[in-house]
Amino acid sequence: MTLDATTTAGGSSTADYYDRYWSADPTPHYEPGHELAALLASNADPEDRVLDVGCGAGNSYARPIVERVASYTGVDASATAVELARSAGLDATVIDDAASLPFPDDHFDLAICVEVFEHLFEPHRAAAEIRRVLRPGGRLVASTPNSLYWRLRLDLLLGRWNPLGDELGGEQPWRDPHIRFFGPETLTRMLRSAGFGQVEVGAHGGRLLDHLTGRPTDFGQSHLYRAVERRFPALLGATLHALAVK
């Protein structure tokens, strides 16, 4: 879940940033929502060769995928993340840029890009590169935060902005690692412009009372909320999930 290795004006690179990120104790962990986890599971077939772009430490969805498929390859710009992934028994490689993958054309059956596009300076180039290394008919499962989520709209109305990249995003949005922002329609257009012929985008993970009370509740995950969320994903879903076919 990291970006490319572009050097910043201050002399450090984004790879340095994410090396520090993955060096935190405890190791950062992303837990995919039920809808995204189900999408990953339903597209991971036993004969598949899988590429995980922005694999991070491999401590989230990777292990269940590895157990279902023929081969798994993770790539990340952070050497620290790759070292952690390798120590967990995963095949992982350091890359300079998600827009320049060290693999031949038509090589993978399934690509995974979970919570990565929002970190990239040129996500459209990364999407096109992922398409290049997929075989005809190969699938991409991706996710990003939904910048049109109702809570973020309300925050903007009230003069606040939280890019949601880390725990300091609300207090210090200027240093947040999320630099690109998507809604369902813009994520769809980006993937189609990258050359994917079939693109389906939905949203999940929205909540209601949690945001108002500051405490976990069951209401935001009720069947009623989920049903309305499917009808109005741009407004009610916190995370976008996409299935794109080459």
Protein backbone atom coordinates (compact mmCIF):
# COMPACT_ATOMS: atom_id res chain seq x y z
CA MET A 1 0.00 0.00 0.00
CA THR A 2 2.69 2.44 -0.96
CA LEU A 3 3.49 4.72 -3.86
CA ASP A 4 6.42 5.29 -6.18
CA ALA A 5 9.94 6.31 -5.29
CA THR A 6 9.76 9.91 -6.48
CA THR A 7 12.20 12.23 -4.75
CA THR A 8 10.64 15.16 -2.91
CA ALA A 9 11.88 18.75 -2.87
CA GLY A 10 13.40 18.17 0.54
CA GLY A 11 15.62 15.41 -0.80
CA SER A 12 13.84 12.43 0.74
CA SER A 13 11.83 10.00 -1.35
CA THR A 14 8.41 8.49 -0.96
CA ALA A 15 10.19 5.16 -0.48
CA ASP A 16 11.88 6.70 2.57
CA TYR A 17 8.50 7.86 3.84
CA TYR A 18 7.03 4.37 3.60
CA ASP A 19 10.13 2.74 5.04
CA ARG A 20 9.44 4.85 8.14
CA TYR A 21 5.74 3.98 7.92
CA TRP A 22 6.37 0.24 7.85
CA SER A 23 8.97 0.52 10.62
CA ALA A 24 6.29 1.58 13.11
CA ASP A 25 5.59 -0.66 16.09
CA PRO A 26 3.16 -2.33 15.86
CA THR A 27 3.36 -2.94 12.13
CA PRO A 28 0.54 -1.10 10.33
CA HIS A 29 -2.30 -3.40 9.32
CA TYR A 30 -5.19 -2.90 6.89
CA GLU A 31 -8.27 -5.05 7.28
CA PRO A 32 -10.38 -5.17 4.10
CA GLY A 33 -14.12 -4.86 4.52
CA HIS A 34 -16.36 -7.87 3.91
CA GLU A 35 -17.25 -6.76 0.39
CA LEU A 36 -13.65 -6.30 -0.68
CA ALA A 37 -12.54 -9.54 0.97
CA ALA A 38 -15.35 -11.38 -0.84
CA LEU A 39 -14.35 -9.79 -4.16
CA LEU A 40 -10.75 -10.90 -3.66
CA ALA A 41 -11.77 -14.43 -2.71
CA SER A 42 -14.20 -14.86 -5.61
CA ASN A 43 -11.54 -13.80 -8.13
CA ALA A 44 -8.65 -15.88 -6.77
CA ASP A 45 -8.71 -19.21 -8.62
CA PRO A 46 -6.42 -22.19 -7.92
CA GLU A 47 -4.54 -21.87 -11.21
CA ASP A 48 -4.02 -18.10 -11.01
CA ARG A 49 -0.72 -16.26 -11.06
CA VAL A 50 -1.31 -13.24 -8.82
CA LEU A 51 0.45 -9.87 -8.68
CA ASP A 52 -0.09 -7.71 -5.58
CA VAL A 53 0.89 -4.10 -6.40
CA GLY A 54 1.64 -2.26 -3.15
CA CYS A 55 1.74 -5.42 -1.07
CA GLY A 56 3.07 -3.68 2.03
CA ALA A 57 4.06 -6.08 4.80
CA GLY A 58 1.71 -8.74 3.44
CA ASN A 59 -0.09 -8.93 6.78
CA SER A 60 -3.61 -8.20 5.57
CA TYR A 61 -5.32 -10.13 2.75
CA ALA A 62 -2.19 -11.76 1.26
CA ARG A 63 -2.08 -14.99 3.24
CA PRO A 64 -5.64 -16.14 2.33
CA ILE A 65 -4.87 -15.32 -1.32
CA VAL A 66 -1.59 -17.27 -1.29
CA GLU A 67 -3.42 -20.31 0.05
CA ARG A 68 -5.93 -20.21 -2.84
CA VAL A 69 -3.76 -19.59 -5.92
CA ALA A 70 -0.91 -21.13 -7.92
CA SER A 71 1.57 -18.31 -7.34
CA TYR A 72 1.72 -14.95 -5.59
CA THR A 73 4.14 -12.08 -6.25
CA GLY A 74 4.06 -8.90 -4.19
CA VAL A 75 5.78 -5.63 -5.14
CA ASP A 76 6.27 -2.47 -3.13
CA ALA A 77 8.41 0.67 -3.21
CA SER A 78 9.34 0.22 0.45
CA ALA A 79 12.28 -2.10 1.12
CA THR A 80 11.16 -2.32 4.75
CA ALA A 81 7.70 -3.53 3.72
CA VAL A 82 9.18 -6.07 1.32
CA GLU A 83 11.50 -7.38 4.04
CA LEU A 84 8.52 -7.84 6.35
CA ALA A 85 6.55 -9.60 3.60
CA ARG A 86 9.47 -11.92 2.89
CA SER A 87 9.88 -12.70 6.58
CA ALA A 88 6.23 -13.79 6.52
CA GLY A 89 7.06 -16.26 3.76
CA LEU A 90 5.78 -14.25 0.80
CA ASP A 91 7.44 -13.74 -2.56
CA ALA A 92 7.97 -9.96 -2.62
CA THR A 93 10.16 -7.59 -4.63
CA VAL A 94 11.14 -3.93 -4.31
CA ILE A 95 10.14 -1.73 -7.25
CA ASP A 96 10.89 1.90 -8.04
CA ASP A 97 7.51 2.77 -9.47
CA ALA A 98 4.13 1.08 -9.90
CA ALA A 99 4.04 2.60 -13.39
CA SER A 100 7.07 0.50 -14.40
CA LEU A 101 6.63 -3.13 -13.41
CA PRO A 102 9.51 -5.59 -14.03
CA PHE A 103 7.34 -8.25 -15.66
CA PRO A 104 6.55 -9.27 -19.26
CA ASP A 105 3.27 -8.61 -21.03
CA ASP A 106 0.31 -10.93 -20.34
CA HIS A 107 2.05 -12.59 -17.39
CA PHE A 108 -0.54 -12.60 -14.58
CA ASP A 109 -4.13 -13.79 -14.25
CA LEU A 110 -5.10 -11.56 -11.33
CA ALA A 111 -3.73 -8.25 -10.07
CA ILE A 112 -4.50 -6.76 -6.67
CA CYS A 113 -4.10 -3.06 -5.93
CA VAL A 114 -5.65 -2.37 -2.54
CA GLU A 115 -5.50 1.19 -1.12
CA VAL A 116 -2.68 2.19 -3.48
CA PHE A 117 -3.96 4.42 -6.29
CA GLU A 118 -4.66 7.29 -3.88
CA HIS A 119 -0.94 7.35 -2.95
CA LEU A 120 0.37 7.60 -6.52
CA PHE A 121 1.42 10.73 -8.37
CA GLU A 122 0.30 9.14 -11.66
CA PRO A 123 -2.23 6.40 -10.82
CA HIS A 124 -3.44 6.23 -14.41
CA ARG A 125 0.01 5.11 -15.55
CA ALA A 126 0.11 2.46 -12.83
CA ALA A 127 -3.33 1.20 -13.91
CA ALA A 128 -2.18 0.97 -17.53
CA GLU A 129 0.97 -0.88 -16.46
CA ILE A 130 -1.06 -3.34 -14.41
CA ARG A 131 -3.23 -3.96 -17.47
CA ARG A 132 -0.11 -4.59 -19.57
CA VAL A 133 1.11 -7.43 -17.34
CA LEU A 134 -2.34 -9.08 -17.17
CA ARG A 135 -3.24 -11.74 -19.71
CA PRO A 136 -6.28 -11.13 -21.94
CA GLY A 137 -9.27 -11.71 -19.68
CA GLY A 138 -7.15 -11.10 -16.59
CA ARG A 139 -8.74 -9.28 -13.67
CA LEU A 140 -7.77 -6.38 -11.45
CA VAL A 141 -9.28 -6.04 -7.99
CA ALA A 142 -8.63 -2.59 -6.55
CA SER A 143 -9.83 -0.33 -3.78
CA THR A 144 -9.47 3.32 -2.78
CA PRO A 145 -11.10 5.61 -0.23
CA ASN A 146 -14.29 7.26 -1.48
CA SER A 147 -13.71 11.02 -1.45
CA LEU A 148 -17.46 11.60 -1.98
CA TYR A 149 -18.47 9.78 1.22
CA TRP A 150 -21.11 11.71 3.15
CA ARG A 151 -18.91 12.29 6.19
CA LEU A 152 -16.19 13.87 4.06
CA ARG A 153 -18.78 16.05 2.33
CA LEU A 154 -20.03 17.19 5.71
CA ASP A 155 -16.50 17.93 6.87
CA LEU A 156 -15.91 20.12 3.82
CA LEU A 157 -19.17 21.94 4.45
CA LEU A 158 -17.97 22.66 7.98
CA GLY A 159 -14.56 23.84 6.76
CA ARG A 160 -12.61 20.67 7.60
CA TRP A 161 -10.74 18.22 5.39
CA ASN A 162 -9.29 14.84 6.29
CA PRO A 163 -7.52 12.97 3.45
CA LEU A 164 -7.67 9.83 5.64
CA GLY A 165 -4.10 8.72 4.94
CA ASP A 166 -3.15 8.28 8.58
CA GLU A 167 -4.15 9.22 12.11
CA LEU A 168 -2.89 12.79 11.65
CA GLY A 169 -4.82 13.43 8.44
CA GLY A 170 -7.46 15.60 10.06
CA GLU A 171 -5.02 17.68 12.11
CA GLN A 172 -2.29 17.96 9.46
CA PRO A 173 -3.81 17.30 6.03
CA TRP A 174 -0.89 19.00 4.29
CA ARG A 175 1.42 16.08 5.14
CA ASP A 176 -1.10 13.30 4.48
CA PRO A 177 0.10 10.51 2.12
CA HIS A 178 -3.18 10.48 0.16
CA ILE A 179 -2.60 12.72 -2.86
CA ARG A 180 -5.23 11.51 -5.38
CA PHE A 181 -8.96 11.32 -4.74
CA PHE A 182 -11.66 9.20 -6.33
CA GLY A 183 -15.40 8.72 -6.45
CA PRO A 184 -17.12 5.79 -8.19
CA GLU A 185 -17.39 7.58 -11.52
CA THR A 186 -13.82 8.90 -11.61
CA LEU A 187 -12.31 5.55 -10.60
CA THR A 188 -14.35 3.92 -13.36
CA ARG A 189 -13.17 6.47 -15.93
CA MET A 190 -9.52 6.10 -14.90
CA LEU A 191 -9.59 2.31 -15.26
CA ARG A 192 -11.35 2.50 -18.60
CA SER A 193 -8.89 5.12 -19.85
CA ALA A 194 -6.12 2.70 -18.85
CA GLY A 195 -7.57 0.21 -21.33
CA PHE A 196 -9.73 -2.09 -19.21
CA GLY A 197 -12.76 -3.19 -21.22
CA GLN A 198 -15.07 -4.09 -18.35
CA VAL A 199 -15.12 -2.10 -15.11
CA GLU A 200 -17.48 -2.48 -12.16
CA VAL A 201 -17.15 -0.14 -9.18
CA GLY A 202 -19.10 -0.26 -5.93
CA ALA A 203 -18.65 1.07 -2.39
CA HIS A 204 -18.77 -0.36 1.09
CA GLY A 205 -17.81 0.30 4.68
CA GLY A 206 -20.01 3.31 5.34
CA ARG A 207 -21.37 4.01 8.79
CA LEU A 208 -23.76 6.47 10.38
CA LEU A 209 -24.04 6.71 14.15
CA ASP A 210 -20.33 5.97 14.70
CA HIS A 211 -19.47 9.29 13.10
CA LEU A 212 -22.02 11.16 15.17
CA THR A 213 -21.41 9.52 18.56
CA GLY A 214 -17.70 8.69 18.27
CA ARG A 215 -18.44 5.14 19.49
CA PRO A 216 -18.77 1.87 17.55
CA THR A 217 -22.38 0.92 16.85
CA ASP A 218 -24.18 -1.73 14.83
CA PHE A 219 -26.44 0.70 13.00
CA GLY A 220 -23.91 1.66 10.33
CA GLN A 221 -23.56 -2.00 9.39
CA SER A 222 -27.24 -2.86 9.42
CA HIS A 223 -28.91 -4.62 6.50
CA LEU A 224 -30.94 -1.48 5.85
CA TYR A 225 -27.86 0.74 5.63
CA ARG A 226 -26.09 -1.75 3.38
CA ALA A 227 -29.08 -1.94 1.05
CA VAL A 228 -29.25 1.84 0.71
CA GLU A 229 -25.45 1.99 0.40
CA ARG A 230 -25.64 -0.24 -2.67
CA ARG A 231 -28.22 2.11 -4.16
CA PHE A 232 -26.22 5.28 -3.41
CA PRO A 233 -22.56 4.13 -3.25
CA ALA A 234 -21.02 7.55 -3.94
CA LEU A 235 -22.76 9.05 -0.93
CA LEU A 236 -22.89 6.22 1.60
CA GLY A 237 -19.85 3.99 0.97
CA ALA A 238 -16.56 4.88 2.68
CA THR A 239 -14.37 2.65 0.48
CA LEU A 240 -14.55 2.01 -3.26
CA HIS A 241 -13.97 -1.48 -4.62
CA ALA A 242 -13.45 -2.21 -8.30
CA LEU A 243 -13.26 -5.23 -10.59
CA ALA A 244 -11.69 -4.47 -13.98
CA VAL A 245 -11.17 -7.01 -16.78
CA LYS A 246 -8.57 -6.72 -19.55
